[in-house]
């Protein structure tokens, strides 16, 4: 296979980490709690699969090599799936450990555990197959929305009315994200309802149905996968600015759309946001972080633990500042030529303020539903967020001063 496999040492270390994490998480759970944990985990995985699948596959640096080798048909389908499996294989292992990793009574309820292992693996693998099939087919639609007059009109409307830098080419991806995540979450809820009213076997049937559906979708894709793979890869290359086409990232965000940034540093903040967008989908990464926090919160680990988790998440936002410290993103000589040190401190600080409102909204919705974090704890979380943003920005200034010396 074209993809380079992991070394034996790395494979064993990762496997040991997954086994340990599973046992620490659910090793002492009774069967009832174990079932609920599996459901919550699958609920969160539905969103993860929907979000992560296109970024695991595209853009593909080996696309030119595949074309030269005329890889097609079944071999191309195997290659596509291998790109996903290479990253996601620890999750089925973790599901198996959560299901059977019973420290105190390993041989009890084996029938129930087997049913829920079938349910969880079937649902997870089925969603991966369905997500892979839909995203690989999305290239033609994405190019249509990105290049046609209809797409340009929608881009202008979002920019004028919502001040949101929408790239119309992402519409098929957003639809796929909604469909896959909703399908997985609905399957989990439906399975839980059937399991409570008709027995565990009926819940497993839901997972098997998702697996069969995903398999059918992938088999249809495998008849001529290269027809869809190369156009989709070309779109994602252009979207992330890795190809030779139009720089769509520059078009997605205009300086005047950064309404929350002071005028004196708005242009400079815009430069950092442009560079980050060329590397990672920052908004989706933060959204996944919120989803993970909510997933943990639904297990009700306690207010103290959740406050600590929100604090950690608030600080984790500042990792985006570290991206802007790379010379490839912001060369020191160029920054000093454009403006003084205080400009770059303020630019990085205000760049992070875009996450403040989503953070407040997410915490207050959680307060309304689950009763935490309290307003006082939220005040501490926001204070730590602002302080860590200032410290991260200060690190950028210190790095710039060091480059000058």
Protein backbone atom coordinates (compact mmCIF):
# COMPACT_ATOMS: atom_id res chain seq x y z
CA UNK A 1 0.00 0.00 0.00
CA UNK A 2 1.17 3.54 -0.75
CA UNK A 3 0.64 4.77 2.81
CA UNK A 4 3.57 4.28 5.16
CA UNK A 5 2.57 1.99 8.07
CA UNK A 6 3.28 2.77 11.70
CA UNK A 7 6.37 1.25 13.26
CA UNK A 8 5.85 -1.75 15.52
CA UNK A 9 6.91 0.26 18.56
CA UNK A 10 4.48 3.10 17.80
CA UNK A 11 1.70 0.61 17.13
CA UNK A 12 2.23 -1.19 20.44
CA UNK A 13 2.50 2.07 22.37
CA UNK A 14 -0.74 3.36 20.86
CA UNK A 15 -2.51 0.07 21.50
CA UNK A 16 -1.36 0.08 25.14
CA UNK A 17 -2.57 3.68 25.55
CA UNK A 18 -5.99 2.82 24.14
CA UNK A 19 -6.36 -0.24 26.38
CA UNK A 20 -5.31 1.74 29.44
CA UNK A 21 -7.66 4.62 28.61
CA UNK A 22 -10.58 2.22 28.17
CA UNK A 23 -9.97 0.44 31.46
CA UNK A 24 -9.50 3.69 33.38
CA UNK A 25 -12.68 5.08 31.86
CA UNK A 26 -15.10 2.18 32.27
CA UNK A 27 -13.22 -0.67 33.93
CA UNK A 28 -15.29 -0.54 37.14
CA UNK A 29 -18.67 0.26 35.57
CA UNK A 30 -21.66 -2.07 36.05
CA UNK A 31 -23.36 -3.24 32.88
CA UNK A 32 -26.08 -0.56 33.02
CA UNK A 33 -23.57 2.28 33.25
CA UNK A 34 -21.43 0.62 30.61
CA UNK A 35 -24.35 0.61 28.16
CA UNK A 36 -25.09 4.29 28.82
CA UNK A 37 -21.41 5.15 28.32
CA UNK A 38 -21.38 3.36 24.96
CA UNK A 39 -24.43 5.32 23.84
CA UNK A 40 -22.95 8.66 24.88
CA UNK A 41 -19.65 7.80 23.22
CA UNK A 42 -21.35 6.83 19.95
CA UNK A 43 -23.39 10.02 20.11
CA UNK A 44 -20.18 12.07 20.29
CA UNK A 45 -18.47 9.90 17.66
CA UNK A 46 -21.25 10.68 15.20
CA UNK A 47 -20.22 14.33 15.22
CA UNK A 48 -16.53 13.44 15.15
CA UNK A 49 -16.92 11.20 12.09
CA UNK A 50 -19.01 13.81 10.29
CA UNK A 51 -16.41 16.51 10.94
CA UNK A 52 -13.11 14.67 10.59
CA UNK A 53 -13.62 12.40 7.58
CA UNK A 54 -12.87 14.91 4.77
CA UNK A 55 -9.73 16.14 6.56
CA UNK A 56 -8.43 12.59 6.91
CA UNK A 57 -8.73 12.00 3.17
CA UNK A 58 -8.16 15.38 1.52
CA UNK A 59 -6.11 17.07 0.22
CA UNK A 60 -4.06 14.08 -0.90
CA UNK A 61 -0.39 14.77 -1.65
CA UNK A 62 -0.16 11.41 -3.43
CA UNK A 63 -2.92 12.18 -5.94
CA UNK A 64 -0.45 12.79 -8.78
CA UNK A 65 1.28 9.48 -8.03
CA UNK A 66 -2.06 7.68 -8.07
CA UNK A 67 -2.86 9.18 -11.44
CA UNK A 68 0.52 8.20 -12.88
CA UNK A 69 0.03 4.67 -11.59
CA UNK A 70 -3.53 4.59 -12.99
CA UNK A 71 -4.88 3.34 -9.67
CA UNK A 72 -8.62 2.78 -10.09
CA UNK A 73 -11.55 0.61 -9.19
CA UNK A 74 -11.17 -1.66 -6.22
CA UNK A 75 -7.57 -0.62 -5.50
CA UNK A 76 -8.58 3.03 -5.35
CA UNK A 77 -11.47 2.21 -3.01
CA UNK A 78 -9.08 0.28 -0.72
CA UNK A 79 -6.66 3.21 -0.75
CA UNK A 80 -9.39 5.68 0.17
CA UNK A 81 -10.57 3.55 3.07
CA UNK A 82 -7.00 2.95 4.27
CA UNK A 83 -6.54 6.71 4.78
CA UNK A 84 -9.45 6.69 7.21
CA UNK A 85 -8.70 3.38 8.93
CA UNK A 86 -5.08 4.39 9.55
CA UNK A 87 -6.25 7.11 11.94
CA UNK A 88 -9.54 5.74 13.29
CA UNK A 89 -8.70 2.10 14.06
CA UNK A 90 -8.07 2.83 17.80
CA UNK A 91 -11.74 3.77 18.25
CA UNK A 92 -13.14 0.26 17.56
CA UNK A 93 -10.47 -1.06 19.95
CA UNK A 94 -11.61 1.46 22.58
CA UNK A 95 -15.25 0.47 22.05
CA UNK A 96 -14.30 -3.17 22.58
CA UNK A 97 -12.45 -2.34 25.82
CA UNK A 98 -15.36 -0.25 27.11
CA UNK A 99 -17.74 -3.13 26.37
CA UNK A 100 -15.73 -6.08 27.72
CA UNK A 101 -13.15 -4.38 29.95
CA UNK A 102 -14.95 -5.30 33.15
CA UNK A 103 -12.34 -5.50 35.91
CA UNK A 104 -14.57 -6.87 38.69
CA UNK A 105 -16.85 -9.25 36.76
CA UNK A 106 -15.25 -10.00 33.37
CA UNK A 107 -17.38 -13.10 32.61
CA UNK A 108 -20.77 -11.73 33.67
CA UNK A 109 -23.42 -10.51 31.19
CA UNK A 110 -21.40 -11.81 28.24
CA UNK A 111 -24.51 -12.01 26.05
CA UNK A 112 -25.47 -8.38 26.70
CA UNK A 113 -21.88 -7.24 26.21
CA UNK A 114 -21.66 -9.09 22.90
CA UNK A 115 -24.89 -7.49 21.67
CA UNK A 116 -23.66 -4.00 22.52
CA UNK A 117 -20.30 -4.65 20.92
CA UNK A 118 -22.11 -5.63 17.71
CA UNK A 119 -24.27 -2.52 18.01
CA UNK A 120 -21.39 -0.12 18.62
CA UNK A 121 -19.01 -1.51 16.00
CA UNK A 122 -21.74 -1.81 13.37
CA UNK A 123 -22.95 1.73 13.91
CA UNK A 124 -19.45 3.20 14.00
CA UNK A 125 -18.13 1.37 10.92
CA UNK A 126 -21.37 2.05 9.03
CA UNK A 127 -21.08 5.78 9.72
CA UNK A 128 -17.43 5.82 8.60
CA UNK A 129 -18.35 4.09 5.35
CA UNK A 130 -21.30 6.42 4.75
CA UNK A 131 -19.26 9.54 5.56
CA UNK A 132 -16.41 8.45 3.30
CA UNK A 133 -18.80 7.75 0.44
CA UNK A 134 -20.62 11.07 0.72
CA UNK A 135 -17.51 13.23 1.08
CA UNK A 136 -15.66 11.57 -1.81
CA UNK A 137 -18.67 12.30 -4.03
CA UNK A 138 -18.91 15.97 -2.96
CA UNK A 139 -16.19 17.44 -5.19
CA UNK A 140 -18.34 18.18 -8.26
CA UNK A 141 -21.05 19.90 -6.20
CA UNK A 142 -18.44 21.89 -4.26
CA UNK A 143 -16.84 23.15 -7.45
CA UNK A 144 -20.27 24.12 -8.80
CA UNK A 145 -21.05 26.26 -5.75
CA UNK A 146 -17.58 27.78 -5.67
CA UNK A 147 -17.30 28.72 -9.34
CA UNK A 148 -20.81 29.60 -10.53
CA UNK A 149 -22.72 32.86 -10.34
CA UNK A 150 -25.18 31.28 -7.91
CA UNK A 151 -22.36 30.60 -5.49
CA UNK A 152 -20.98 34.12 -5.79
CA UNK A 153 -24.42 35.56 -5.02
CA UNK A 154 -24.70 33.47 -1.87
CA UNK A 155 -21.19 34.51 -0.77
CA UNK A 156 -22.16 38.18 -1.15
CA UNK A 157 -25.42 37.76 0.76
CA UNK A 158 -23.71 36.10 3.72
CA UNK A 159 -21.02 38.77 3.77
CA UNK A 160 -23.53 41.63 3.56
CA UNK A 161 -26.26 40.37 5.89
CA UNK A 162 -24.50 38.11 8.36
CA UNK A 163 -20.91 39.41 8.20
CA UNK A 164 -19.89 35.79 7.88
CA UNK A 165 -17.10 34.75 5.47
CA UNK A 166 -18.90 31.83 3.84
CA UNK A 167 -17.24 30.02 0.96
CA UNK A 168 -20.12 28.55 -1.11
CA UNK A 169 -17.88 25.63 -2.03
CA UNK A 170 -18.23 24.38 1.54
CA UNK A 171 -22.02 24.03 1.31
CA UNK A 172 -21.93 20.32 0.27
CA UNK A 173 -19.46 19.60 3.09
CA UNK A 174 -21.68 21.36 5.64
CA UNK A 175 -24.69 19.39 4.39
CA UNK A 176 -22.73 16.16 4.67
CA UNK A 177 -21.64 17.08 8.19
CA UNK A 178 -25.25 17.68 9.22
CA UNK A 179 -26.57 14.52 7.55
CA UNK A 180 -23.90 12.16 8.94
CA UNK A 181 -23.96 13.58 12.47
CA UNK A 182 -27.77 13.64 12.56
CA UNK A 183 -28.02 10.09 11.18
CA UNK A 184 -25.63 8.77 13.80
CA UNK A 185 -27.24 10.63 16.69
CA UNK A 186 -30.75 9.64 15.64
CA UNK A 187 -29.62 6.00 15.35
CA UNK A 188 -28.22 6.12 18.89
CA UNK A 189 -31.41 7.65 20.29
CA UNK A 190 -33.63 5.24 18.36
CA UNK A 191 -31.50 2.30 19.46
CA UNK A 192 -31.69 3.41 23.11
CA UNK A 193 -35.47 3.70 22.88
CA UNK A 194 -35.81 0.26 21.29
CA UNK A 195 -33.34 -1.22 23.75
CA UNK A 196 -35.39 0.07 26.68
CA UNK A 197 -38.71 -1.11 25.27
CA UNK A 198 -37.93 -4.21 23.18
CA UNK A 199 -34.63 -5.52 24.49
CA UNK A 200 -30.95 -5.16 23.66
CA UNK A 201 -31.18 -7.24 20.47
CA UNK A 202 -33.44 -4.62 18.86
CA UNK A 203 -30.80 -1.98 19.59
CA UNK A 204 -28.20 -4.08 17.79
CA UNK A 205 -30.49 -4.23 14.75
CA UNK A 206 -30.29 -0.44 14.47
CA UNK A 207 -26.50 -0.61 14.37
CA UNK A 208 -26.57 -3.37 11.78
CA UNK A 209 -28.96 -1.32 9.64
CA UNK A 210 -26.51 1.60 9.68
CA UNK A 211 -23.68 -0.77 8.77
CA UNK A 212 -25.61 -2.25 5.83
CA UNK A 213 -26.52 1.23 4.58
CA UNK A 214 -22.92 2.43 4.79
CA UNK A 215 -21.66 -0.71 3.07
CA UNK A 216 -24.09 -0.28 0.17
CA UNK A 217 -23.01 3.35 -0.24
CA UNK A 218 -19.33 2.43 -0.26
CA UNK A 219 -19.82 -0.47 -2.68
CA UNK A 220 -21.53 1.91 -5.10
CA UNK A 221 -18.64 4.34 -4.72
CA UNK A 222 -16.14 1.54 -5.35
CA UNK A 223 -17.42 0.86 -8.85
CA UNK A 224 -15.71 3.97 -10.18
CA UNK A 225 -14.15 5.85 -7.23
CA UNK A 226 -11.52 7.76 -9.22
CA UNK A 227 -14.30 9.60 -11.07
CA UNK A 228 -15.24 11.31 -7.80
CA UNK A 229 -11.94 11.20 -5.94
CA UNK A 230 -9.85 13.47 -8.17
CA UNK A 231 -12.42 16.31 -8.53
CA UNK A 232 -12.99 16.29 -4.76
CA UNK A 233 -9.26 16.31 -4.06
CA UNK A 234 -8.83 19.21 -6.51
CA UNK A 235 -11.49 21.20 -4.66
CA UNK A 236 -9.91 20.63 -1.24
CA UNK A 237 -6.47 21.52 -2.59
CA UNK A 238 -7.84 24.81 -3.82
CA UNK A 239 -9.88 25.36 -0.65
CA UNK A 240 -6.82 25.01 1.59
CA UNK A 241 -4.57 26.93 -0.77
CA UNK A 242 -2.25 23.98 -1.43
CA UNK A 243 -2.85 23.87 -5.17
CA UNK A 244 -2.15 26.27 -8.01
CA UNK A 245 -5.69 27.57 -8.34
CA UNK A 246 -7.41 30.67 -7.05
CA UNK A 247 -6.76 31.54 -3.40
CA UNK A 248 -10.30 31.07 -2.14
CA UNK A 249 -9.29 31.71 1.48
CA UNK A 250 -8.50 35.33 0.72
CA UNK A 251 -11.95 35.79 -0.79
CA UNK A 252 -13.81 34.28 2.13
CA UNK A 253 -12.96 36.94 4.70
CA UNK A 254 -12.82 40.71 4.23
CA UNK A 255 -11.19 43.15 6.60
CA UNK A 256 -14.42 45.04 7.28
CA UNK A 257 -16.09 41.82 8.48
CA UNK A 258 -13.90 41.79 11.62
CA UNK A 259 -16.36 44.07 13.41
CA UNK A 260 -15.14 43.17 16.90
CA UNK A 261 -11.54 44.26 16.27
CA UNK A 262 -10.42 47.90 16.83
CA UNK A 263 -9.73 49.79 13.62
CA UNK A 264 -6.05 50.30 14.47
CA UNK A 265 -5.26 46.57 14.39
CA UNK A 266 -8.04 45.22 12.16
CA UNK A 267 -5.88 44.76 9.07
CA UNK A 268 -3.11 43.09 11.07
CA UNK A 269 -5.57 40.75 12.79
CA UNK A 270 -7.01 39.87 9.39
CA UNK A 271 -3.53 38.80 8.23
CA UNK A 272 -3.20 36.31 11.10
CA UNK A 273 -6.69 34.91 10.50
CA UNK A 274 -5.89 34.43 6.83
CA UNK A 275 -2.75 32.46 7.62
CA UNK A 276 -4.53 30.26 10.18
CA UNK A 277 -7.33 29.51 7.71
CA UNK A 278 -4.77 28.31 5.22
CA UNK A 279 -3.52 25.72 7.72
CA UNK A 280 -6.51 24.41 9.66
CA UNK A 281 -10.31 24.86 9.82
CA UNK A 282 -10.07 26.69 13.15
CA UNK A 283 -13.81 27.21 13.58
CA UNK A 284 -14.57 23.51 13.18
CA UNK A 285 -11.73 22.52 15.49
CA UNK A 286 -13.12 24.76 18.25
CA UNK A 287 -16.64 23.44 17.56
CA UNK A 288 -15.37 19.89 18.09
CA UNK A 289 -13.84 21.06 21.37
CA UNK A 290 -17.23 22.33 22.51
CA UNK A 291 -18.84 19.04 21.49
CA UNK A 292 -16.29 17.06 23.53
CA UNK A 293 -16.88 19.26 26.58
CA UNK A 294 -20.63 18.70 26.25
CA UNK A 295 -20.13 14.98 25.79
CA UNK A 296 -18.23 14.80 29.07
CA UNK A 297 -20.73 17.10 30.79
CA UNK A 298 -23.65 14.78 29.95
CA UNK A 299 -21.96 12.11 32.05
CA UNK A 300 -22.23 14.51 35.01
CA UNK A 301 -18.72 14.10 36.46
CA UNK A 302 -19.30 16.91 38.97
CA UNK A 303 -19.21 20.70 38.91
CA UNK A 304 -15.60 20.94 40.09
CA UNK A 305 -14.39 18.64 37.32
CA UNK A 306 -16.42 20.47 34.67
CA UNK A 307 -15.14 23.86 35.81
CA UNK A 308 -11.59 22.57 35.50
CA UNK A 309 -12.41 21.17 32.05
CA UNK A 310 -13.84 24.51 30.89
CA UNK A 311 -10.72 26.24 32.19
CA UNK A 312 -8.52 23.83 30.27
CA UNK A 313 -10.59 24.32 27.13
CA UNK A 314 -10.40 28.11 27.52
CA UNK A 315 -6.61 27.95 27.68
CA UNK A 316 -6.48 25.47 24.77
CA UNK A 317 -7.92 28.17 22.49
CA UNK A 318 -4.59 29.95 22.71
CA UNK A 319 -2.83 27.17 20.84
CA UNK A 320 -3.96 29.04 17.74
CA UNK A 321 -1.65 31.88 18.77
CA UNK A 322 1.28 29.46 18.61
CA UNK A 323 0.50 28.86 14.95
CA UNK A 324 1.09 32.53 14.23
CA UNK A 325 4.57 32.34 15.77
CA UNK A 326 5.86 30.16 12.96
CA UNK A 327 8.26 32.00 10.63
CA UNK A 328 6.40 30.58 7.64
CA UNK A 329 3.27 32.38 8.86
CA UNK A 330 4.71 35.64 10.15
CA UNK A 331 8.41 36.32 9.47
CA UNK A 332 9.90 38.55 12.14
CA UNK A 333 11.51 40.96 9.71
CA UNK A 334 8.18 41.46 7.94
CA UNK A 335 6.23 42.15 11.15
CA UNK A 336 8.81 44.69 12.34
CA UNK A 337 8.70 46.38 8.96
CA UNK A 338 4.91 46.65 9.01
CA UNK A 339 4.35 47.83 12.59
CA UNK A 340 5.67 48.17 16.17
CA UNK A 341 5.58 45.43 18.80
CA UNK A 342 2.38 46.68 20.49
CA UNK A 343 0.49 46.26 17.21
CA UNK A 344 1.28 42.55 17.10
CA UNK A 345 0.40 42.06 20.75
CA UNK A 346 -3.01 43.66 20.20
CA UNK A 347 -3.56 41.84 16.90
CA UNK A 348 -3.06 38.40 18.41
CA UNK A 349 -5.13 39.30 21.47
CA UNK A 350 -8.11 40.57 19.47
CA UNK A 351 -7.79 37.64 17.10
CA UNK A 352 -8.75 35.39 20.02
CA UNK A 353 -11.76 37.48 21.02
CA UNK A 354 -13.78 35.83 18.25
CA UNK A 355 -14.06 32.75 20.51
CA UNK A 356 -15.38 34.67 23.51
CA UNK A 357 -19.07 34.85 22.54
CA UNK A 358 -19.34 31.15 21.54
CA UNK A 359 -17.65 30.27 24.84
CA UNK A 360 -20.17 32.29 26.84
CA UNK A 361 -23.15 30.94 24.90
CA UNK A 362 -22.03 27.33 25.28
CA UNK A 363 -21.42 27.69 29.03
CA UNK A 364 -24.76 29.38 29.67
CA UNK A 365 -26.70 26.79 27.68
CA UNK A 366 -24.99 24.13 29.76
CA UNK A 367 -25.87 26.09 32.92
CA UNK A 368 -29.52 26.18 31.86
CA UNK A 369 -29.67 22.45 31.05
CA UNK A 370 -27.26 20.86 33.54
CA UNK A 371 -26.85 23.53 36.24
CA UNK A 372 -23.13 24.20 35.74
CA UNK A 373 -20.81 26.05 35.42
CA UNK A 374 -22.22 28.68 37.79
CA UNK A 375 -22.00 32.41 36.93
CA UNK A 376 -19.10 32.81 39.36
CA UNK A 377 -17.19 29.94 37.77
CA UNK A 378 -17.95 31.35 34.34
CA UNK A 379 -16.41 34.64 35.44
CA UNK A 380 -13.24 32.77 36.43
CA UNK A 381 -13.19 30.88 33.13
CA UNK A 382 -13.55 34.10 31.10
CA UNK A 383 -10.86 35.79 33.20
CA UNK A 384 -8.48 32.88 32.58
CA UNK A 385 -9.35 32.95 28.87
CA UNK A 386 -8.50 36.66 28.64
CA UNK A 387 -5.34 36.25 30.72
CA UNK A 388 -4.11 33.29 28.66
CA UNK A 389 -4.84 35.24 25.45
CA UNK A 390 -2.76 38.13 26.75
CA UNK A 391 0.06 35.80 27.82
CA UNK A 392 0.03 34.05 24.44
CA UNK A 393 0.18 37.41 22.69
CA UNK A 394 3.03 38.46 24.96
CA UNK A 395 4.93 35.32 23.98
CA UNK A 396 4.57 36.42 20.38
CA UNK A 397 6.07 39.81 21.22
CA UNK A 398 8.97 38.21 23.10
CA UNK A 399 9.63 35.89 20.17
CA UNK A 400 9.62 38.88 17.83
CA UNK A 401 12.06 40.79 20.03
CA UNK A 402 14.33 37.74 20.08
CA UNK A 403 14.23 37.54 16.28
CA UNK A 404 15.22 41.19 16.04
CA UNK A 405 18.21 40.73 18.33
